[in-house]
C-alpha atoms as a PDB file:
ATOM      1  CA  MET A   1     -12.060  -5.035   7.343  1.00  0.00           C
ATOM      2  CA  GLN A   2      -8.650  -3.697   7.890  1.00  0.00           C
ATOM      3  CA  ILE A   3      -8.119   0.048   7.014  1.00  0.00           C
ATOM      4  CA  ILE A   4      -4.675   1.545   6.589  1.00  0.00           C
ATOM      5  CA  PRO A   5      -4.145   5.299   6.332  1.00  0.00           C
ATOM      6  CA  SER A   6      -1.774   6.150   3.420  1.00  0.00           C
ATOM      7  CA  ILE A   7       0.864   8.851   3.448  1.00  0.00           C
ATOM      8  CA  ASN A   8       1.811  10.137  -0.061  1.00  0.00           C
ATOM      9  CA  GLU A   9       3.711  13.370   0.356  1.00  0.00           C
ATOM     10  CA  THR A  10       6.924  15.170  -0.868  1.00  0.00           C
ATOM     11  CA  ASP A  11       7.461  17.103   2.450  1.00  0.00           C
ATOM     12  CA  PHE A  12       9.025  15.254   5.427  1.00  0.00           C
ATOM     13  CA  GLU A  13       7.393  17.582   8.021  1.00  0.00           C
ATOM     14  CA  GLU A  14       3.952  16.749   6.625  1.00  0.00           C
ATOM     15  CA  ILE A  15       4.905  13.178   6.802  1.00  0.00           C
ATOM     16  CA  ARG A  16       6.007  13.556  10.488  1.00  0.00           C
ATOM     17  CA  ARG A  17       2.629  15.258  11.272  1.00  0.00           C
ATOM     18  CA  LYS A  18       0.514  12.532   9.581  1.00  0.00           C
ATOM     19  CA  ILE A  19       2.472   9.681  11.295  1.00  0.00           C
ATOM     20  CA  GLY A  20       1.764  11.408  14.647  1.00  0.00           C
ATOM     21  CA  LEU A  21      -1.923  11.616  13.946  1.00  0.00           C
ATOM     22  CA  ALA A  22      -2.129   8.043  12.483  1.00  0.00           C
ATOM     23  CA  ALA A  23      -0.349   6.597  15.512  1.00  0.00           C
ATOM     24  CA  SER A  24      -3.088   7.804  17.686  1.00  0.00           C
ATOM     25  CA  PHE A  25      -5.864   5.692  16.039  1.00  0.00           C
ATOM     26  CA  ALA A  26      -4.438   3.248  13.547  1.00  0.00           C
ATOM     27  CA  GLU A  27      -2.410   0.057  13.807  1.00  0.00           C
ATOM     28  CA  TRP A  28      -0.674   0.445  10.434  1.00  0.00           C
ATOM     29  CA  VAL A  29       0.431   3.289   8.234  1.00  0.00           C
ATOM     30  CA  HIS A  30       1.100   2.994   4.494  1.00  0.00           C
ATOM     31  CA  PHE A  31       3.804   4.915   2.673  1.00  0.00           C
ATOM     32  CA  ASP A  32       3.396   5.542  -1.045  1.00  0.00           C
ATOM     33  CA  VAL A  33       6.771   5.787  -2.756  1.00  0.00           C
ATOM     34  CA  SER A  34       6.880   7.058  -6.365  1.00  0.00           C
ATOM     35  CA  ASP A  35      10.100   7.398  -8.222  1.00  0.00           C
ATOM     36  CA  GLY A  36       9.133   9.496 -11.353  1.00  0.00           C
ATOM     37  CA  GLU A  37      10.156   6.665 -13.573  1.00  0.00           C
ATOM     38  CA  PHE A  38       7.563   3.860 -13.059  1.00  0.00           C
ATOM     39  CA  THR A  39       5.242   6.785 -12.316  1.00  0.00           C
ATOM     40  CA  ASP A  40       4.821  10.263 -13.631  1.00  0.00           C
ATOM     41  CA  PHE A  41       4.991  11.594 -10.087  1.00  0.00           C
ATOM     42  CA  LYS A  42       7.784  11.565  -7.668  1.00  0.00           C
ATOM     43  CA  ASN A  43       7.469  11.970  -3.875  1.00  0.00           C
ATOM     44  CA  TRP A  44       9.423  11.445  -0.664  1.00  0.00           C
ATOM     45  CA  ASN A  45      11.816   8.511  -0.558  1.00  0.00           C
ATOM     46  CA  GLU A  46      14.095   8.957   2.469  1.00  0.00           C
ATOM     47  CA  PRO A  47      13.460   5.917   4.584  1.00  0.00           C
ATOM     48  CA  GLU A  48      16.596   6.636   6.691  1.00  0.00           C
ATOM     49  CA  LYS A  49      14.834   9.608   8.187  1.00  0.00           C
ATOM     50  CA  LEU A  50      12.202   7.405   9.773  1.00  0.00           C
ATOM     51  CA  LEU A  51      14.764   6.527  12.316  1.00  0.00           C
ATOM     52  CA  GLU A  52      14.344  10.041  13.618  1.00  0.00           C
ATOM     53  CA  LEU A  53      10.626   9.145  14.286  1.00  0.00           C
ATOM     54  CA  SER A  54      11.070   6.374  16.760  1.00  0.00           C
ATOM     55  CA  ASP A  55       8.725   8.024  19.242  1.00  0.00           C
ATOM     56  CA  GLU A  56       5.976   8.840  16.719  1.00  0.00           C
ATOM     57  CA  LEU A  57       6.181   5.293  15.112  1.00  0.00           C
ATOM     58  CA  SER A  58       6.039   3.538  18.550  1.00  0.00           C
ATOM     59  CA  GLY A  59       3.121   1.121  18.463  1.00  0.00           C
ATOM     60  CA  ILE A  60       2.370   1.451  14.798  1.00  0.00           C
ATOM     61  CA  ARG A  61       3.575  -0.741  11.930  1.00  0.00           C
ATOM     62  CA  CYS A  62       4.702   0.445   8.514  1.00  0.00           C
ATOM     63  CA  GLU A  63       3.663  -0.819   5.092  1.00  0.00           C
ATOM     64  CA  VAL A  64       5.546   0.479   2.090  1.00  0.00           C
ATOM     65  CA  HIS A  65       4.211   0.533  -1.478  1.00  0.00           C
ATOM     66  CA  LEU A  66       7.159   0.790  -3.919  1.00  0.00           C
ATOM     67  CA  MET A  67       5.940   2.332  -7.157  1.00  0.00           C
ATOM     68  CA  VAL A  68       9.485   2.259  -8.542  1.00  0.00           C
ATOM     69  CA  ALA A  69      11.391   1.075 -11.526  1.00  0.00           C
ATOM     70  CA  GLU A  70      13.790  -0.983  -9.622  1.00  0.00           C
ATOM     71  CA  PRO A  71      12.265  -2.275  -6.343  1.00  0.00           C
ATOM     72  CA  GLN A  72      15.075  -4.620  -5.637  1.00  0.00           C
ATOM     73  CA  ALA A  73      17.277  -1.491  -5.171  1.00  0.00           C
ATOM     74  CA  GLU A  74      14.889  -0.037  -2.703  1.00  0.00           C
ATOM     75  CA  VAL A  75      13.619  -2.870  -0.542  1.00  0.00           C
ATOM     76  CA  GLU A  76      16.493  -3.138   1.909  1.00  0.00           C
ATOM     77  CA  ARG A  77      16.573   0.669   2.600  1.00  0.00           C
ATOM     78  CA  TRP A  78      12.907   0.429   3.793  1.00  0.00           C
ATOM     79  CA  LEU A  79      13.427  -2.742   5.706  1.00  0.00           C
ATOM     80  CA  SER A  80      16.467  -1.276   7.514  1.00  0.00           C
ATOM     81  CA  ALA A  81      14.159   1.649   8.432  1.00  0.00           C
ATOM     82  CA  GLY A  82      11.670  -0.684  10.098  1.00  0.00           C
ATOM     83  CA  ALA A  83       9.052  -1.424   7.442  1.00  0.00           C
ATOM     84  CA  ALA A  84       7.074  -4.567   8.439  1.00  0.00           C
ATOM     85  CA  ARG A  85       5.547  -5.035   5.052  1.00  0.00           C
ATOM     86  CA  ILE A  86       6.735  -4.187   1.512  1.00  0.00           C
ATOM     87  CA  ILE A  87       4.588  -4.125  -1.712  1.00  0.00           C
ATOM     88  CA  VAL A  88       6.441  -4.332  -5.015  1.00  0.00           C
ATOM     89  CA  HIS A  89       4.879  -4.244  -8.600  1.00  0.00           C
ATOM     90  CA  ALA A  90       4.622  -7.259 -10.713  1.00  0.00           C
ATOM     91  CA  GLU A  91       5.176  -5.082 -13.755  1.00  0.00           C
ATOM     92  CA  MET A  92       8.778  -4.174 -12.488  1.00  0.00           C
ATOM     93  CA  VAL A  93      10.003  -7.013 -10.222  1.00  0.00           C
ATOM     94  CA  GLU A  94      10.450  -9.977 -12.575  1.00  0.00           C
ATOM     95  CA  ASP A  95      14.294  -9.781 -12.900  1.00  0.00           C
ATOM     96  CA  GLY A  96      14.784  -8.681  -9.368  1.00  0.00           C
ATOM     97  CA  TRP A  97      12.415 -11.231  -7.681  1.00  0.00           C
ATOM     98  CA  PRO A  98      15.008 -13.599  -6.257  1.00  0.00           C
ATOM     99  CA  MET A  99      16.888 -10.565  -4.653  1.00  0.00           C
ATOM    100  CA  VAL A 100      13.660  -9.242  -3.266  1.00  0.00           C
ATOM    101  CA  ILE A 101      12.708 -12.560  -1.764  1.00  0.00           C
ATOM    102  CA  ASP A 102      16.058 -12.970  -0.160  1.00  0.00           C
ATOM    103  CA  LYS A 103      15.993  -9.577   1.536  1.00  0.00           C
ATOM    104  CA  MET A 104      12.449 -10.007   2.781  1.00  0.00           C
ATOM    105  CA  ASP A 105      13.333 -13.404   4.283  1.00  0.00           C
ATOM    106  CA  ASN A 106      16.442 -11.890   5.898  1.00  0.00           C
ATOM    107  CA  PHE A 107      14.378  -9.249   7.705  1.00  0.00           C
ATOM    108  CA  GLY A 108      11.386 -11.452   8.402  1.00  0.00           C
ATOM    109  CA  ALA A 109       9.025  -9.041   6.712  1.00  0.00           C
ATOM    110  CA  GLU A 110       5.788  -9.620   4.790  1.00  0.00           C
ATOM    111  CA  LEU A 111       5.863  -9.233   0.993  1.00  0.00           C
ATOM    112  CA  GLY A 112       2.937  -8.248  -1.185  1.00  0.00           C
ATOM    113  CA  ILE A 113       2.655  -7.969  -4.981  1.00  0.00           C
ATOM    114  CA  ALA A 114       0.851  -5.139  -6.779  1.00  0.00           C
ATOM    115  CA  VAL A 115      -0.642  -4.447 -10.167  1.00  0.00           C
ATOM    116  CA  ASN A 116      -1.827  -1.405 -11.986  1.00  0.00           C
ATOM    117  CA  PRO A 117      -5.500  -1.086 -13.021  1.00  0.00           C
ATOM    118  CA  GLU A 118      -4.859  -1.881 -16.646  1.00  0.00           C
ATOM    119  CA  THR A 119      -2.499  -4.774 -16.056  1.00  0.00           C
ATOM    120  CA  PRO A 120      -3.931  -8.189 -16.772  1.00  0.00           C
ATOM    121  CA  LEU A 121      -4.302 -10.441 -13.714  1.00  0.00           C
ATOM    122  CA  GLU A 122      -2.309 -13.274 -15.476  1.00  0.00           C
ATOM    123  CA  ILE A 123       0.854 -11.361 -14.544  1.00  0.00           C
ATOM    124  CA  LEU A 124       0.165 -12.342 -10.854  1.00  0.00           C
ATOM    125  CA  LYS A 125       0.172 -16.071 -11.361  1.00  0.00           C
ATOM    126  CA  PRO A 126       3.920 -16.660 -10.830  1.00  0.00           C
ATOM    127  CA  TYR A 127       3.861 -14.930  -7.468  1.00  0.00           C
ATOM    128  CA  LEU A 128       0.622 -16.047  -5.826  1.00  0.00           C
ATOM    129  CA  LYS A 129       2.135 -19.026  -4.048  1.00  0.00           C
ATOM    130  CA  ALA A 130       4.988 -16.917  -2.731  1.00  0.00           C
ATOM    131  CA  VAL A 131       3.174 -13.944  -1.247  1.00  0.00           C
ATOM    132  CA  PRO A 132       0.407 -13.734   1.406  1.00  0.00           C
ATOM    133  CA  PHE A 133      -1.419 -10.881  -0.200  1.00  0.00           C
ATOM    134  CA  ILE A 134      -1.816  -8.821  -3.382  1.00  0.00           C
ATOM    135  CA  GLN A 135      -2.591  -5.214  -3.900  1.00  0.00           C
ATOM    136  CA  LEU A 136      -4.962  -4.226  -6.740  1.00  0.00           C
ATOM    137  CA  LEU A 137      -4.613  -0.500  -7.625  1.00  0.00           C
ATOM    138  CA  ALA A 138      -7.868   1.233  -8.224  1.00  0.00           C
ATOM    139  CA  VAL A 139      -6.135   4.359  -9.661  1.00  0.00           C
ATOM    140  CA  LYS A 140      -3.080   5.039 -11.780  1.00  0.00           C
ATOM    141  CA  PRO A 141       0.045   4.932  -9.645  1.00  0.00           C
ATOM    142  CA  GLY A 142       0.977   8.405  -8.436  1.00  0.00           C
ATOM    143  CA  PRO A 143      -0.559  11.260  -6.434  1.00  0.00           C
ATOM    144  CA  SER A 144      -3.494  10.969  -3.895  1.00  0.00           C
ATOM    145  CA  GLY A 145      -6.981  12.196  -4.731  1.00  0.00           C
ATOM    146  CA  GLN A 146      -7.757  10.188  -7.800  1.00  0.00           C
ATOM    147  CA  LYS A 147     -11.031   8.699  -8.743  1.00  0.00           C
ATOM    148  CA  PHE A 148     -11.764   5.026  -7.963  1.00  0.00           C
ATOM    149  CA  ASN A 149     -11.871   2.904 -11.103  1.00  0.00           C
ATOM    150  CA  GLU A 150     -14.753   0.622 -10.665  1.00  0.00           C
ATOM    151  CA  THR A 151     -13.391  -2.002 -13.181  1.00  0.00           C
ATOM    152  CA  ILE A 152     -11.193  -3.185 -10.279  1.00  0.00           C
ATOM    153  CA  LEU A 153     -14.287  -4.701  -8.752  1.00  0.00           C
ATOM    154  CA  SER A 154     -14.393  -7.625 -11.237  1.00  0.00           C
ATOM    155  CA  LYS A 155     -10.635  -8.232 -10.700  1.00  0.00           C
ATOM    156  CA  ILE A 156     -11.281  -8.568  -6.815  1.00  0.00           C
ATOM    157  CA  ARG A 157     -14.029 -11.142  -7.547  1.00  0.00           C
ATOM    158  CA  ILE A 158     -11.796 -13.123  -9.914  1.00  0.00           C
ATOM    159  CA  VAL A 159      -8.863 -13.177  -7.528  1.00  0.00           C
ATOM    160  CA  LYS A 160     -10.952 -14.249  -4.526  1.00  0.00           C
ATOM    161  CA  ARG A 161     -12.815 -16.877  -6.540  1.00  0.00           C
ATOM    162  CA  GLU A 162      -9.619 -18.491  -7.849  1.00  0.00           C
ATOM    163  CA  ASN A 163      -7.471 -17.812  -4.758  1.00  0.00           C
ATOM    164  CA  PRO A 164      -9.761 -17.620  -1.736  1.00  0.00           C
ATOM    165  CA  GLU A 165      -6.888 -17.751   0.764  1.00  0.00           C
ATOM    166  CA  THR A 166      -5.117 -14.819  -0.761  1.00  0.00           C
ATOM    167  CA  ARG A 167      -5.742 -11.501   1.012  1.00  0.00           C
ATOM    168  CA  VAL A 168      -6.609  -8.666  -1.368  1.00  0.00           C
ATOM    169  CA  GLU A 169      -5.677  -4.943  -0.558  1.00  0.00           C
ATOM    170  CA  ILE A 170      -7.209  -2.161  -2.582  1.00  0.00           C
ATOM    171  CA  ASP A 171      -5.490   1.160  -2.865  1.00  0.00           C
ATOM    172  CA  GLY A 172      -6.810   4.365  -4.440  1.00  0.00           C
ATOM    173  CA  GLY A 173      -9.962   6.381  -4.412  1.00  0.00           C
ATOM    174  CA  ILE A 174     -11.313   4.743  -1.217  1.00  0.00           C
ATOM    175  CA  ASN A 175     -14.149   6.580   0.610  1.00  0.00           C
ATOM    176  CA  LEU A 176     -17.272   5.314   2.249  1.00  0.00           C
ATOM    177  CA  GLU A 177     -19.031   4.603  -1.029  1.00  0.00           C
ATOM    178  CA  THR A 178     -16.133   2.840  -2.803  1.00  0.00           C
ATOM    179  CA  ALA A 179     -15.115   1.075   0.369  1.00  0.00           C
ATOM    180  CA  LYS A 180     -18.597  -0.617   0.449  1.00  0.00           C
ATOM    181  CA  LEU A 181     -18.101  -1.703  -3.079  1.00  0.00           C
ATOM    182  CA  ALA A 182     -14.655  -3.038  -2.634  1.00  0.00           C
ATOM    183  CA  LYS A 183     -15.838  -4.992   0.574  1.00  0.00           C
ATOM    184  CA  LYS A 184     -18.783  -6.539  -1.185  1.00  0.00           C
ATOM    185  CA  ALA A 185     -16.479  -7.656  -3.976  1.00  0.00           C
ATOM    186  CA  GLY A 186     -14.239  -9.435  -1.496  1.00  0.00           C
ATOM    187  CA  ALA A 187     -11.524  -7.096  -0.496  1.00  0.00           C
ATOM    188  CA  ASP A 188      -9.727  -7.716   2.788  1.00  0.00           C
ATOM    189  CA  ILE A 189      -7.678  -4.525   3.257  1.00  0.00           C
ATOM    190  CA  LEU A 190      -8.394  -0.943   2.161  1.00  0.00           C
ATOM    191  CA  VAL A 191      -5.801   1.783   1.923  1.00  0.00           C
ATOM    192  CA  SER A 192      -7.310   5.281   2.148  1.00  0.00           C
ATOM    193  CA  GLY A 193      -5.518   8.715   1.973  1.00  0.00           C
ATOM    194  CA  SER A 194      -7.497  11.734   0.892  1.00  0.00           C
ATOM    195  CA  TYR A 195     -10.739  10.579   2.492  1.00  0.00           C
ATOM    196  CA  ILE A 196      -8.948  10.301   5.872  1.00  0.00           C
ATOM    197  CA  TRP A 197      -6.541  13.263   5.743  1.00  0.00           C
ATOM    198  CA  GLN A 198      -8.973  15.759   4.062  1.00  0.00           C
ATOM    199  CA  SER A 199     -11.515  15.116   6.820  1.00  0.00           C
ATOM    200  CA  PRO A 200     -11.710  17.672   9.657  1.00  0.00           C
ATOM    201  CA  GLU A 201     -11.442  14.737  12.033  1.00  0.00           C
ATOM    202  CA  PRO A 202      -9.263  12.028  10.486  1.00  0.00           C
ATOM    203  CA  GLU A 203      -9.888   9.509  13.271  1.00  0.00           C
ATOM    204  CA  LYS A 204     -13.613   9.691  12.749  1.00  0.00           C
ATOM    205  CA  ALA A 205     -13.083   9.157   8.949  1.00  0.00           C
ATOM    206  CA  TYR A 206     -10.928   6.186   9.680  1.00  0.00           C
ATOM    207  CA  GLU A 207     -13.511   4.652  12.098  1.00  0.00           C
ATOM    208  CA  ALA A 208     -16.261   5.266   9.694  1.00  0.00           C
ATOM    209  CA  LEU A 209     -14.355   3.096   7.078  1.00  0.00           C
ATOM    210  CA  LYS A 210     -13.734   0.374   9.675  1.00  0.00           C
ATOM    211  CA  GLU A 211     -17.458   0.136  10.392  1.00  0.00           C
ATOM    212  CA  ILE A 212     -18.604  -0.611   6.785  1.00  0.00           C
END
């Protein structure tokens, strides 16, 4: 089971601190980017500043979850800053899909497609052959600390039954209990923020998730 610590902040210094911590124990770090349009919440979105963190990011790969109204306008900024993996929302990407694909191919990065908890899985069908993984949000897109929505478990089972080769990433409300439920349902990747960062020892919390 792959575990990725998420960073969902408004303050760059807090982002810098968490990147430094994550780099000491994780292989990946996940940035949540909310624009206040697709979501009710708005957070940090200055990928250019990541170039200041070359030392902190040495040895760790970056995944970016774009919870934004126009992902095609944001993808290249994050790729230029070094993102190895970008996740865009099926609810927002339809018109901009060709542009997103072109930019991802140009940078040789990995593309994932995400859906909100209430979105029917049918919206994913046009994209499944074009992406190696999907992300199912277990919470409303926005701030960290939300409660895991267990209705997502049936969606994991459906996706894995119909598309067994597709990797499934779950984001939102992940702790030891919900991680076990998601794994049993068939999830391949879990993104966790509050459980890791609110622990007095983030590395131990991360390792506990890896061991489920």
